[in-house]
Amino acid sequence: MFDVEFVVDIINKSGSSVEVKLDDQAKKFSQIGLDSLDMFNVFIELQDATGKEFSDDIVENLVSISTIVEFLNS
């Protein structure tokens, strides 16, 4: 099972200029300060780490760390 800490680690290793914390799990990525390029890099890193595919349709609904964790565990 994937958890919030796993996703936060991936985000922080993806090269974004924002350091994400565990407390940010319910905030939308825009509220944290992550832009679309940051999120593109995050989804590439997550694909590599998990083997799950992040299609455009799926990515549209992944707006927070919590929603990514839900998707990874579905």
N, C-alpha and C. Protein backbone atom coordinates (compact mmCIF):
# COMPACT_ATOMS: atom_id res chain seq x y z
N MET A 1 0.84 -1.20 0.00
CA MET A 1 0.00 0.00 0.00
C MET A 1 0.87 1.25 0.00
N PHE A 2 0.39 2.23 -0.71
CA PHE A 2 1.09 3.51 -0.79
C PHE A 2 0.48 4.46 0.22
N ASP A 3 1.32 5.31 0.81
CA ASP A 3 0.82 6.24 1.81
C ASP A 3 1.24 7.67 1.48
N VAL A 4 0.79 8.60 2.31
CA VAL A 4 1.06 10.02 2.11
C VAL A 4 2.57 10.28 2.09
N GLU A 5 3.29 9.66 2.99
CA GLU A 5 4.73 9.88 3.07
C GLU A 5 5.43 9.49 1.76
N PHE A 6 5.00 8.39 1.17
CA PHE A 6 5.56 7.95 -0.12
C PHE A 6 5.37 9.02 -1.18
N VAL A 7 4.16 9.55 -1.29
CA VAL A 7 3.85 10.55 -2.32
C VAL A 7 4.61 11.85 -2.04
N VAL A 8 4.66 12.27 -0.79
CA VAL A 8 5.40 13.49 -0.43
C VAL A 8 6.87 13.34 -0.80
N ASP A 9 7.46 12.19 -0.53
CA ASP A 9 8.85 11.95 -0.89
C ASP A 9 9.06 12.06 -2.40
N ILE A 10 8.16 11.47 -3.17
CA ILE A 10 8.25 11.54 -4.64
C ILE A 10 8.17 12.99 -5.10
N ILE A 11 7.22 13.74 -4.56
CA ILE A 11 7.06 15.15 -4.95
C ILE A 11 8.34 15.92 -4.64
N ASN A 12 8.89 15.72 -3.45
CA ASN A 12 10.08 16.46 -3.05
C ASN A 12 11.31 16.04 -3.84
N LYS A 13 11.32 14.84 -4.39
CA LYS A 13 12.45 14.38 -5.20
C LYS A 13 12.28 14.70 -6.68
N SER A 14 11.13 15.24 -7.06
CA SER A 14 10.83 15.45 -8.48
C SER A 14 11.43 16.72 -9.05
N GLY A 15 12.06 17.52 -8.23
CA GLY A 15 12.71 18.73 -8.72
C GLY A 15 11.88 19.99 -8.62
N SER A 16 10.76 19.94 -7.92
CA SER A 16 9.95 21.16 -7.78
C SER A 16 10.66 22.11 -6.81
N SER A 17 10.35 23.39 -6.93
CA SER A 17 10.98 24.39 -6.08
C SER A 17 10.28 24.52 -4.72
N VAL A 18 9.19 23.80 -4.54
CA VAL A 18 8.40 23.86 -3.31
C VAL A 18 8.66 22.60 -2.50
N GLU A 19 8.91 22.77 -1.20
CA GLU A 19 9.04 21.60 -0.35
C GLU A 19 7.68 21.27 0.26
N VAL A 20 7.19 20.10 -0.06
CA VAL A 20 5.87 19.66 0.39
C VAL A 20 6.02 18.93 1.72
N LYS A 21 5.05 19.15 2.61
CA LYS A 21 5.06 18.52 3.94
C LYS A 21 3.89 17.56 4.07
N LEU A 22 3.97 16.68 5.04
CA LEU A 22 2.88 15.73 5.29
C LEU A 22 1.57 16.46 5.57
N ASP A 23 1.65 17.63 6.20
CA ASP A 23 0.44 18.40 6.54
C ASP A 23 -0.30 18.92 5.30
N ASP A 24 0.37 18.88 4.15
CA ASP A 24 -0.22 19.41 2.92
C ASP A 24 -1.12 18.43 2.19
N GLN A 25 -1.36 17.26 2.76
CA GLN A 25 -2.03 16.19 2.03
C GLN A 25 -3.42 16.53 1.51
N ALA A 26 -4.17 17.37 2.20
CA ALA A 26 -5.53 17.69 1.76
C ALA A 26 -5.59 18.95 0.89
N LYS A 27 -4.50 19.70 0.82
CA LYS A 27 -4.50 20.93 0.03
C LYS A 27 -4.38 20.62 -1.45
N LYS A 28 -5.00 21.46 -2.26
CA LYS A 28 -4.84 21.33 -3.71
C LYS A 28 -3.41 21.72 -4.06
N PHE A 29 -2.91 21.13 -5.14
CA PHE A 29 -1.53 21.40 -5.53
C PHE A 29 -1.28 22.88 -5.79
N SER A 30 -2.26 23.58 -6.33
CA SER A 30 -2.10 25.01 -6.57
C SER A 30 -1.96 25.79 -5.26
N GLN A 31 -2.61 25.32 -4.20
CA GLN A 31 -2.49 25.95 -2.88
C GLN A 31 -1.10 25.74 -2.28
N ILE A 32 -0.49 24.63 -2.62
CA ILE A 32 0.86 24.33 -2.12
C ILE A 32 1.91 25.12 -2.90
N GLY A 33 1.58 25.50 -4.13
CA GLY A 33 2.51 26.25 -4.97
C GLY A 33 3.10 25.44 -6.10
N LEU A 34 2.52 24.27 -6.37
CA LEU A 34 3.00 23.43 -7.47
C LEU A 34 2.25 23.79 -8.75
N ASP A 35 3.00 24.02 -9.82
CA ASP A 35 2.36 24.35 -11.10
C ASP A 35 2.27 23.11 -11.99
N SER A 36 1.77 23.30 -13.20
CA SER A 36 1.53 22.16 -14.08
C SER A 36 2.83 21.45 -14.49
N LEU A 37 3.92 22.19 -14.65
CA LEU A 37 5.20 21.56 -14.98
C LEU A 37 5.70 20.72 -13.80
N ASP A 38 5.57 21.26 -12.59
CA ASP A 38 5.92 20.48 -11.40
C ASP A 38 5.14 19.18 -11.36
N MET A 39 3.84 19.27 -11.61
CA MET A 39 3.00 18.08 -11.52
C MET A 39 3.29 17.09 -12.64
N PHE A 40 3.65 17.58 -13.82
CA PHE A 40 4.06 16.68 -14.89
C PHE A 40 5.25 15.84 -14.43
N ASN A 41 6.24 16.50 -13.84
CA ASN A 41 7.41 15.78 -13.33
C ASN A 41 7.06 14.81 -12.21
N VAL A 42 6.14 15.21 -11.34
CA VAL A 42 5.69 14.33 -10.26
C VAL A 42 5.04 13.07 -10.83
N PHE A 43 4.16 13.24 -11.81
CA PHE A 43 3.47 12.08 -12.38
C PHE A 43 4.44 11.15 -13.10
N ILE A 44 5.45 11.70 -13.75
CA ILE A 44 6.48 10.86 -14.39
C ILE A 44 7.21 10.05 -13.32
N GLU A 45 7.60 10.71 -12.23
CA GLU A 45 8.30 10.03 -11.13
C GLU A 45 7.41 8.94 -10.50
N LEU A 46 6.14 9.26 -10.32
CA LEU A 46 5.21 8.28 -9.74
C LEU A 46 5.03 7.08 -10.67
N GLN A 47 4.94 7.33 -11.97
CA GLN A 47 4.83 6.22 -12.93
C GLN A 47 6.04 5.31 -12.83
N ASP A 48 7.22 5.91 -12.78
CA ASP A 48 8.46 5.13 -12.68
C ASP A 48 8.52 4.33 -11.38
N ALA A 49 8.08 4.94 -10.28
CA ALA A 49 8.18 4.30 -8.97
C ALA A 49 7.13 3.23 -8.73
N THR A 50 5.95 3.38 -9.37
CA THR A 50 4.85 2.48 -9.06
C THR A 50 4.46 1.55 -10.21
N GLY A 51 4.81 1.93 -11.43
CA GLY A 51 4.39 1.16 -12.59
C GLY A 51 2.97 1.44 -13.03
N LYS A 52 2.28 2.33 -12.32
CA LYS A 52 0.91 2.71 -12.70
C LYS A 52 0.96 3.79 -13.76
N GLU A 53 0.01 3.72 -14.68
CA GLU A 53 -0.06 4.72 -15.74
C GLU A 53 -0.97 5.87 -15.32
N PHE A 54 -0.53 7.08 -15.58
CA PHE A 54 -1.30 8.28 -15.24
C PHE A 54 -1.77 8.93 -16.53
N SER A 55 -2.93 8.49 -17.04
CA SER A 55 -3.48 9.06 -18.27
C SER A 55 -4.01 10.46 -17.99
N ASP A 56 -4.26 11.21 -19.06
CA ASP A 56 -4.78 12.58 -18.91
C ASP A 56 -6.10 12.59 -18.15
N ASP A 57 -6.96 11.62 -18.43
CA ASP A 57 -8.26 11.56 -17.74
C ASP A 57 -8.08 11.37 -16.24
N ILE A 58 -7.13 10.56 -15.85
CA ILE A 58 -6.88 10.31 -14.44
C ILE A 58 -6.26 11.52 -13.78
N VAL A 59 -5.27 12.11 -14.45
CA VAL A 59 -4.53 13.25 -13.88
C VAL A 59 -5.47 14.42 -13.57
N GLU A 60 -6.48 14.62 -14.40
CA GLU A 60 -7.43 15.71 -14.17
C GLU A 60 -8.09 15.63 -12.80
N ASN A 61 -8.25 14.42 -12.28
CA ASN A 61 -8.92 14.23 -10.99
C ASN A 61 -7.97 14.14 -9.81
N LEU A 62 -6.69 14.13 -10.07
CA LEU A 62 -5.70 14.04 -9.00
C LEU A 62 -5.24 15.44 -8.64
N VAL A 63 -5.92 16.03 -7.66
CA VAL A 63 -5.71 17.44 -7.34
C VAL A 63 -5.02 17.67 -6.01
N SER A 64 -4.75 16.58 -5.29
CA SER A 64 -4.09 16.69 -3.99
C SER A 64 -3.31 15.41 -3.72
N ILE A 65 -2.50 15.46 -2.69
CA ILE A 65 -1.75 14.27 -2.29
C ILE A 65 -2.71 13.15 -1.91
N SER A 66 -3.76 13.49 -1.22
CA SER A 66 -4.74 12.49 -0.80
C SER A 66 -5.38 11.78 -1.98
N THR A 67 -5.70 12.53 -3.04
CA THR A 67 -6.32 11.88 -4.20
C THR A 67 -5.33 10.99 -4.93
N ILE A 68 -4.05 11.34 -4.91
CA ILE A 68 -3.05 10.47 -5.51
C ILE A 68 -2.94 9.17 -4.71
N VAL A 69 -2.91 9.27 -3.39
CA VAL A 69 -2.82 8.07 -2.55
C VAL A 69 -4.02 7.16 -2.80
N GLU A 70 -5.21 7.74 -2.88
CA GLU A 70 -6.41 6.96 -3.18
C GLU A 70 -6.28 6.23 -4.51
N PHE A 71 -5.82 6.94 -5.53
CA PHE A 71 -5.66 6.33 -6.85
C PHE A 71 -4.63 5.20 -6.81
N LEU A 72 -3.50 5.44 -6.18
CA LEU A 72 -2.45 4.42 -6.13
C LEU A 72 -2.92 3.15 -5.41
N ASN A 73 -3.81 3.29 -4.46
CA ASN A 73 -4.28 2.15 -3.69
C ASN A 73 -5.57 1.55 -4.23
N SER A 74 -6.05 2.05 -5.38
CA SER A 74 -7.29 1.50 -5.95
C SER A 74 -7.02 0.33 -6.86
